[in-house]
Amino acid sequence: MPLRVILIDDETLVLDALERILASESEIDVVGTATTGRDGIRLAREARPDVVVTDLLLKGDTDGVEVTRRIRNALNPPAVLVVTSFDSETQMRGALEAGAVGFLLKTDATDSLATAIRMAADGDPMISPAMTTRLIASYVAPTIDPAAEEARRKVALLSEREIEVAQLVGAGRTYGEIGRELFISDSTVKATIGRALRKVDADSGAQLAVIVAMARLDLK
């Protein structure tokens, strides 16, 4: 059964482009589109998709962060994948904290959108590598920043393998790519992420990747 997906972006040209990218994917069915956050939230409630793909900067009084928060607070919510032009670190941070499972640059959509949607449906993160850097920058400046200290405290609870896997997630690798690089199965990658999430009290692989990157282990 195909994954049911809705797309939210205030530019109709972007919506058309995303639909074209997904048109050849037999396992993905775009069941609706919306050009405002309010309409997107309503559509998510009515269409009951598996994945919502949303931009962050939307016209009107409901931006992508609020869309993510309200959709994720619903009963049995769909996964939310952010696909953006990289406009605001603050909004990316807000979407991460609101429960977005993945972050993809629009410039990466042609090659990676379908994979990111499949991963999001499974609860697995996919992050454009440049976005990890911007997300970290929104939390922490110097290595003595309290946020960096807190991240190091949490990361100290992780094994070397858990840190390694989290760093690869932050580098934009899929679970399959991580498994091949580390010579482990996809299920082992997922189990490793699951253990690490519980240790650092994170809600998603995207949050875990940011926490590990914020710890600035290379500069300790």
C-alpha atoms as a PDB file:
ATOM      1  CA  MET A   1       0.000   0.000   0.000  1.00  0.00           C
ATOM      2  CA  PRO A   2       1.523   3.349  -1.005  1.00  0.00           C
ATOM      3  CA  LEU A   3       2.566   5.874   1.618  1.00  0.00           C
ATOM      4  CA  ARG A   4       0.040   8.697   1.818  1.00  0.00           C
ATOM      5  CA  VAL A   5       1.764  12.091   1.680  1.00  0.00           C
ATOM      6  CA  ILE A   6       0.603  15.700   1.778  1.00  0.00           C
ATOM      7  CA  LEU A   7       2.740  18.661   0.718  1.00  0.00           C
ATOM      8  CA  ILE A   8       2.615  22.141   2.277  1.00  0.00           C
ATOM      9  CA  ASP A   9       4.345  25.125   0.653  1.00  0.00           C
ATOM     10  CA  ASP A  10       3.152  28.633  -0.092  1.00  0.00           C
ATOM     11  CA  GLU A  11       4.691  28.563  -3.574  1.00  0.00           C
ATOM     12  CA  THR A  12       2.588  26.646  -6.100  1.00  0.00           C
ATOM     13  CA  LEU A  13       5.627  26.237  -8.354  1.00  0.00           C
ATOM     14  CA  VAL A  14       7.426  24.441  -5.532  1.00  0.00           C
ATOM     15  CA  LEU A  15       4.428  22.191  -4.900  1.00  0.00           C
ATOM     16  CA  ASP A  16       4.310  21.342  -8.600  1.00  0.00           C
ATOM     17  CA  ALA A  17       8.038  20.546  -8.593  1.00  0.00           C
ATOM     18  CA  LEU A  18       7.745  18.294  -5.534  1.00  0.00           C
ATOM     19  CA  GLU A  19       4.782  16.470  -7.068  1.00  0.00           C
ATOM     20  CA  ARG A  20       6.774  15.892 -10.260  1.00  0.00           C
ATOM     21  CA  ILE A  21       9.678  14.466  -8.264  1.00  0.00           C
ATOM     22  CA  LEU A  22       7.309  11.983  -6.601  1.00  0.00           C
ATOM     23  CA  ALA A  23       5.175  11.188  -9.655  1.00  0.00           C
ATOM     24  CA  SER A  24       7.265   8.166 -10.643  1.00  0.00           C
ATOM     25  CA  GLU A  25       7.318   6.696  -7.125  1.00  0.00           C
ATOM     26  CA  SER A  26       4.782   3.881  -7.072  1.00  0.00           C
ATOM     27  CA  GLU A  27       5.130   3.497  -3.290  1.00  0.00           C
ATOM     28  CA  ILE A  28       4.268   7.167  -2.590  1.00  0.00           C
ATOM     29  CA  ASP A  29       0.869   8.737  -3.213  1.00  0.00           C
ATOM     30  CA  VAL A  30       0.486  12.517  -2.877  1.00  0.00           C
ATOM     31  CA  VAL A  31      -3.067  12.778  -1.526  1.00  0.00           C
ATOM     32  CA  GLY A  32      -3.209  16.547  -1.206  1.00  0.00           C
ATOM     33  CA  THR A  33      -1.386  19.873  -1.184  1.00  0.00           C
ATOM     34  CA  ALA A  34      -1.838  23.107   0.740  1.00  0.00           C
ATOM     35  CA  THR A  35      -0.429  26.614   0.389  1.00  0.00           C
ATOM     36  CA  THR A  36      -1.042  27.806   3.965  1.00  0.00           C
ATOM     37  CA  GLY A  37      -0.284  26.339   7.353  1.00  0.00           C
ATOM     38  CA  ARG A  38      -3.935  26.394   8.418  1.00  0.00           C
ATOM     39  CA  ASP A  39      -5.029  24.537   5.295  1.00  0.00           C
ATOM     40  CA  GLY A  40      -2.182  22.076   5.767  1.00  0.00           C
ATOM     41  CA  ILE A  41      -3.256  21.271   9.320  1.00  0.00           C
ATOM     42  CA  ARG A  42      -6.864  20.810   8.188  1.00  0.00           C
ATOM     43  CA  LEU A  43      -5.766  18.613   5.284  1.00  0.00           C
ATOM     44  CA  ALA A  44      -3.636  16.464   7.583  1.00  0.00           C
ATOM     45  CA  ARG A  45      -6.653  15.945   9.832  1.00  0.00           C
ATOM     46  CA  GLU A  46      -8.934  15.013   6.906  1.00  0.00           C
ATOM     47  CA  ALA A  47      -6.561  13.017   4.674  1.00  0.00           C
ATOM     48  CA  ARG A  48      -4.778  11.114   7.487  1.00  0.00           C
ATOM     49  CA  PRO A  49      -1.427  10.905   5.664  1.00  0.00           C
ATOM     50  CA  ASP A  50       1.565   8.852   6.716  1.00  0.00           C
ATOM     51  CA  VAL A  51       3.952  11.761   6.122  1.00  0.00           C
ATOM     52  CA  VAL A  52       3.519  15.531   5.955  1.00  0.00           C
ATOM     53  CA  VAL A  53       6.147  17.425   3.964  1.00  0.00           C
ATOM     54  CA  THR A  54       6.226  21.108   4.904  1.00  0.00           C
ATOM     55  CA  ASP A  55       8.247  24.235   4.332  1.00  0.00           C
ATOM     56  CA  LEU A  56       9.099  26.389   7.362  1.00  0.00           C
ATOM     57  CA  LEU A  57       8.319  29.856   6.039  1.00  0.00           C
ATOM     58  CA  LEU A  58       4.644  29.920   5.118  1.00  0.00           C
ATOM     59  CA  LYS A  59       2.448  32.941   4.414  1.00  0.00           C
ATOM     60  CA  GLY A  60      -0.198  33.781   6.979  1.00  0.00           C
ATOM     61  CA  ASP A  61      -0.229  33.379  10.739  1.00  0.00           C
ATOM     62  CA  THR A  62       0.698  29.687  10.897  1.00  0.00           C
ATOM     63  CA  ASP A  63       4.305  28.882   9.982  1.00  0.00           C
ATOM     64  CA  GLY A  64       5.973  25.508   9.515  1.00  0.00           C
ATOM     65  CA  VAL A  65       6.934  25.247  13.184  1.00  0.00           C
ATOM     66  CA  GLU A  66       3.320  25.645  14.300  1.00  0.00           C
ATOM     67  CA  VAL A  67       2.215  23.230  11.576  1.00  0.00           C
ATOM     68  CA  THR A  68       4.682  20.661  12.892  1.00  0.00           C
ATOM     69  CA  ARG A  69       3.648  21.186  16.517  1.00  0.00           C
ATOM     70  CA  ARG A  70      -0.076  20.947  15.902  1.00  0.00           C
ATOM     71  CA  ILE A  71       0.172  17.950  13.599  1.00  0.00           C
ATOM     72  CA  ARG A  72       2.487  16.074  15.953  1.00  0.00           C
ATOM     73  CA  ASN A  73       0.207  16.805  18.923  1.00  0.00           C
ATOM     74  CA  ALA A  74      -2.720  15.040  17.233  1.00  0.00           C
ATOM     75  CA  LEU A  75      -3.777  11.483  18.043  1.00  0.00           C
ATOM     76  CA  ASN A  76      -1.757   8.965  15.982  1.00  0.00           C
ATOM     77  CA  PRO A  77       0.094  11.756  14.159  1.00  0.00           C
ATOM     78  CA  PRO A  78       1.885  11.401  10.835  1.00  0.00           C
ATOM     79  CA  ALA A  79       5.606  11.971  10.568  1.00  0.00           C
ATOM     80  CA  VAL A  80       6.647  15.497   9.604  1.00  0.00           C
ATOM     81  CA  LEU A  81       9.491  16.077   7.161  1.00  0.00           C
ATOM     82  CA  VAL A  82      10.755  19.645   6.740  1.00  0.00           C
ATOM     83  CA  VAL A  83      11.826  20.581   3.207  1.00  0.00           C
ATOM     84  CA  THR A  84      13.054  24.148   3.158  1.00  0.00           C
ATOM     85  CA  SER A  85      15.291  26.679   1.471  1.00  0.00           C
ATOM     86  CA  PHE A  86      17.277  27.096   4.679  1.00  0.00           C
ATOM     87  CA  ASP A  87      15.763  30.361   5.742  1.00  0.00           C
ATOM     88  CA  SER A  88      15.937  30.483   9.530  1.00  0.00           C
ATOM     89  CA  GLU A  89      17.970  28.625  12.156  1.00  0.00           C
ATOM     90  CA  THR A  90      15.404  29.614  14.782  1.00  0.00           C
ATOM     91  CA  GLN A  91      12.568  28.045  12.811  1.00  0.00           C
ATOM     92  CA  MET A  92      14.576  24.892  12.113  1.00  0.00           C
ATOM     93  CA  ARG A  93      15.260  24.596  15.830  1.00  0.00           C
ATOM     94  CA  GLY A  94      11.575  25.125  16.582  1.00  0.00           C
ATOM     95  CA  ALA A  95      10.542  22.425  14.119  1.00  0.00           C
ATOM     96  CA  LEU A  96      13.075  19.997  15.594  1.00  0.00           C
ATOM     97  CA  GLU A  97      11.727  20.597  19.085  1.00  0.00           C
ATOM     98  CA  ALA A  98       8.150  20.327  17.794  1.00  0.00           C
ATOM     99  CA  GLY A  99       8.828  16.815  16.517  1.00  0.00           C
ATOM    100  CA  ALA A 100      10.005  16.989  12.888  1.00  0.00           C
ATOM    101  CA  VAL A 101      11.771  13.743  12.033  1.00  0.00           C
ATOM    102  CA  GLY A 102      13.893  14.982   9.123  1.00  0.00           C
ATOM    103  CA  PHE A 103      15.239  18.122   7.469  1.00  0.00           C
ATOM    104  CA  LEU A 104      15.947  18.344   3.759  1.00  0.00           C
ATOM    105  CA  LEU A 105      17.118  21.239   1.615  1.00  0.00           C
ATOM    106  CA  LYS A 106      14.960  21.928  -1.416  1.00  0.00           C
ATOM    107  CA  THR A 107      18.111  21.740  -3.514  1.00  0.00           C
ATOM    108  CA  ASP A 108      18.498  18.104  -2.368  1.00  0.00           C
ATOM    109  CA  ALA A 109      14.867  17.185  -3.048  1.00  0.00           C
ATOM    110  CA  THR A 110      15.346  15.838  -6.556  1.00  0.00           C
ATOM    111  CA  ASP A 111      17.742  13.139  -5.377  1.00  0.00           C
ATOM    112  CA  SER A 112      16.614  12.570  -1.812  1.00  0.00           C
ATOM    113  CA  LEU A 113      12.936  13.451  -1.289  1.00  0.00           C
ATOM    114  CA  ALA A 114      11.483   9.994  -1.898  1.00  0.00           C
ATOM    115  CA  THR A 115      14.079   8.345   0.335  1.00  0.00           C
ATOM    116  CA  ALA A 116      13.513  10.943   3.058  1.00  0.00           C
ATOM    117  CA  ILE A 117       9.749  10.323   2.954  1.00  0.00           C
ATOM    118  CA  ARG A 118      10.195   6.561   3.274  1.00  0.00           C
ATOM    119  CA  MET A 119      12.577   7.051   6.177  1.00  0.00           C
ATOM    120  CA  ALA A 120      10.239   9.523   7.874  1.00  0.00           C
ATOM    121  CA  ALA A 121       7.373   7.035   7.608  1.00  0.00           C
ATOM    122  CA  ASP A 122       9.551   4.533   9.493  1.00  0.00           C
ATOM    123  CA  GLY A 123      10.458   7.159  12.098  1.00  0.00           C
ATOM    124  CA  ASP A 124      14.017   7.367  10.816  1.00  0.00           C
ATOM    125  CA  PRO A 125      15.861  10.679  10.386  1.00  0.00           C
ATOM    126  CA  MET A 126      17.350  12.113   7.243  1.00  0.00           C
ATOM    127  CA  ILE A 127      19.144  15.434   7.481  1.00  0.00           C
ATOM    128  CA  SER A 128      20.878  17.440   4.773  1.00  0.00           C
ATOM    129  CA  PRO A 129      24.438  17.747   6.192  1.00  0.00           C
ATOM    130  CA  ALA A 130      24.568  21.542   5.878  1.00  0.00           C
ATOM    131  CA  MET A 131      21.394  21.799   7.915  1.00  0.00           C
ATOM    132  CA  THR A 132      23.025  20.013  10.846  1.00  0.00           C
ATOM    133  CA  THR A 133      25.618  22.778  11.016  1.00  0.00           C
ATOM    134  CA  ARG A 134      22.947  25.467  10.978  1.00  0.00           C
ATOM    135  CA  LEU A 135      20.871  23.688  13.626  1.00  0.00           C
ATOM    136  CA  ILE A 136      23.894  23.424  15.911  1.00  0.00           C
ATOM    137  CA  ALA A 137      24.691  27.097  15.361  1.00  0.00           C
ATOM    138  CA  SER A 138      21.210  28.000  16.571  1.00  0.00           C
ATOM    139  CA  TYR A 139      21.909  26.328  19.909  1.00  0.00           C
ATOM    140  CA  VAL A 140      25.536  26.971  20.669  1.00  0.00           C
ATOM    141  CA  ALA A 141      28.364  29.417  19.941  1.00  0.00           C
ATOM    142  CA  PRO A 142      31.564  28.799  21.956  1.00  0.00           C
ATOM    143  CA  THR A 143      32.496  25.372  23.307  1.00  0.00           C
ATOM    144  CA  ILE A 144      32.062  26.667  26.872  1.00  0.00           C
ATOM    145  CA  ASP A 145      28.453  27.576  26.174  1.00  0.00           C
ATOM    146  CA  PRO A 146      26.114  25.917  28.727  1.00  0.00           C
ATOM    147  CA  ALA A 147      24.305  24.164  25.876  1.00  0.00           C
ATOM    148  CA  ALA A 148      27.550  22.555  24.764  1.00  0.00           C
ATOM    149  CA  GLU A 149      28.317  21.508  28.334  1.00  0.00           C
ATOM    150  CA  GLU A 150      24.867  19.931  28.686  1.00  0.00           C
ATOM    151  CA  ALA A 151      25.305  18.131  25.374  1.00  0.00           C
ATOM    152  CA  ARG A 152      28.665  16.742  26.520  1.00  0.00           C
ATOM    153  CA  ARG A 153      27.058  15.526  29.744  1.00  0.00           C
ATOM    154  CA  LYS A 154      24.460  13.613  27.743  1.00  0.00           C
ATOM    155  CA  VAL A 155      26.907  12.283  25.161  1.00  0.00           C
ATOM    156  CA  ALA A 156      29.094  10.909  27.963  1.00  0.00           C
ATOM    157  CA  LEU A 157      26.319   8.342  28.476  1.00  0.00           C
ATOM    158  CA  LEU A 158      26.701   6.996  24.944  1.00  0.00           C
ATOM    159  CA  SER A 159      28.929   4.227  23.652  1.00  0.00           C
ATOM    160  CA  GLU A 160      31.475   4.898  20.918  1.00  0.00           C
ATOM    161  CA  ARG A 161      29.262   3.075  18.403  1.00  0.00           C
ATOM    162  CA  GLU A 162      26.204   5.121  19.372  1.00  0.00           C
ATOM    163  CA  ILE A 163      28.172   8.351  18.918  1.00  0.00           C
ATOM    164  CA  GLU A 164      29.531   7.128  15.589  1.00  0.00           C
ATOM    165  CA  VAL A 165      26.066   6.293  14.281  1.00  0.00           C
ATOM    166  CA  ALA A 166      24.642   9.636  15.480  1.00  0.00           C
ATOM    167  CA  GLN A 167      27.457  11.518  13.728  1.00  0.00           C
ATOM    168  CA  LEU A 168      26.703   9.687  10.487  1.00  0.00           C
ATOM    169  CA  VAL A 169      23.009  10.585  10.791  1.00  0.00           C
ATOM    170  CA  GLY A 170      24.089  14.210  11.164  1.00  0.00           C
ATOM    171  CA  ALA A 171      26.229  13.826   8.065  1.00  0.00           C
ATOM    172  CA  GLY A 172      23.119  12.984   6.061  1.00  0.00           C
ATOM    173  CA  ARG A 173      23.617   9.226   5.762  1.00  0.00           C
ATOM    174  CA  THR A 174      20.634   6.903   5.468  1.00  0.00           C
ATOM    175  CA  TYR A 175      20.406   3.853   7.723  1.00  0.00           C
ATOM    176  CA  GLY A 176      21.398   1.667   4.784  1.00  0.00           C
ATOM    177  CA  GLU A 177      24.475   3.775   4.086  1.00  0.00           C
ATOM    178  CA  ILE A 178      25.432   3.760   7.772  1.00  0.00           C
ATOM    179  CA  GLY A 179      25.057  -0.005   7.892  1.00  0.00           C
ATOM    180  CA  ARG A 180      27.277  -0.515   4.869  1.00  0.00           C
ATOM    181  CA  GLU A 181      29.920   1.878   6.202  1.00  0.00           C
ATOM    182  CA  LEU A 182      30.036   0.206   9.617  1.00  0.00           C
ATOM    183  CA  PHE A 183      29.403  -3.355   8.353  1.00  0.00           C
ATOM    184  CA  ILE A 184      26.217  -3.771  10.401  1.00  0.00           C
ATOM    185  CA  SER A 185      22.591  -4.381   9.429  1.00  0.00           C
ATOM    186  CA  ASP A 186      19.953  -1.679   9.031  1.00  0.00           C
ATOM    187  CA  SER A 187      18.095  -3.144  12.010  1.00  0.00           C
ATOM    188  CA  THR A 188      21.240  -2.854  14.132  1.00  0.00           C
ATOM    189  CA  VAL A 189      21.591   0.795  13.114  1.00  0.00           C
ATOM    190  CA  LYS A 190      17.993   1.438  14.132  1.00  0.00           C
ATOM    191  CA  ALA A 191      18.415  -0.399  17.436  1.00  0.00           C
ATOM    192  CA  THR A 192      21.583   1.587  18.160  1.00  0.00           C
ATOM    193  CA  ILE A 193      19.727   4.854  17.559  1.00  0.00           C
ATOM    194  CA  GLY A 194      16.887   3.668  19.789  1.00  0.00           C
ATOM    195  CA  ARG A 195      19.226   2.932  22.701  1.00  0.00           C
ATOM    196  CA  ALA A 196      20.945   6.281  22.299  1.00  0.00           C
ATOM    197  CA  LEU A 197      17.633   8.152  22.246  1.00  0.00           C
ATOM    198  CA  ARG A 198      16.656   6.655  25.580  1.00  0.00           C
ATOM    199  CA  LYS A 199      20.020   7.513  27.126  1.00  0.00           C
ATOM    200  CA  VAL A 200      19.950  11.204  26.150  1.00  0.00           C
ATOM    201  CA  ASP A 201      16.169  11.625  26.441  1.00  0.00           C
ATOM    202  CA  ALA A 202      15.752  12.671  22.803  1.00  0.00           C
ATOM    203  CA  ASP A 203      12.630  12.198  20.703  1.00  0.00           C
ATOM    204  CA  SER A 204      14.163  11.625  17.287  1.00  0.00           C
ATOM    205  CA  GLY A 205      17.332  10.701  15.474  1.00  0.00           C
ATOM    206  CA  ALA A 206      17.535  14.288  14.259  1.00  0.00           C
ATOM    207  CA  GLN A 207      17.600  15.557  17.848  1.00  0.00           C
ATOM    208  CA  LEU A 208      20.225  12.943  18.739  1.00  0.00           C
ATOM    209  CA  ALA A 209      22.469  14.002  15.850  1.00  0.00           C
ATOM    210  CA  VAL A 210      22.267  17.634  16.942  1.00  0.00           C
ATOM    211  CA  ILE A 211      23.057  16.782  20.588  1.00  0.00           C
ATOM    212  CA  VAL A 212      26.139  14.796  19.589  1.00  0.00           C
ATOM    213  CA  ALA A 213      27.315  17.533  17.219  1.00  0.00           C
ATOM    214  CA  MET A 214      26.725  20.228  19.856  1.00  0.00           C
ATOM    215  CA  ALA A 215      29.038  18.372  22.241  1.00  0.00           C
ATOM    216  CA  ARG A 216      31.915  19.417  19.953  1.00  0.00           C
ATOM    217  CA  LEU A 217      33.808  16.210  20.700  1.00  0.00           C
ATOM    218  CA  ASP A 218      36.466  17.209  18.177  1.00  0.00           C
ATOM    219  CA  LEU A 219      37.352  20.258  20.305  1.00  0.00           C
ATOM    220  CA  LYS A 220      37.320  18.758  23.775  1.00  0.00           C
END
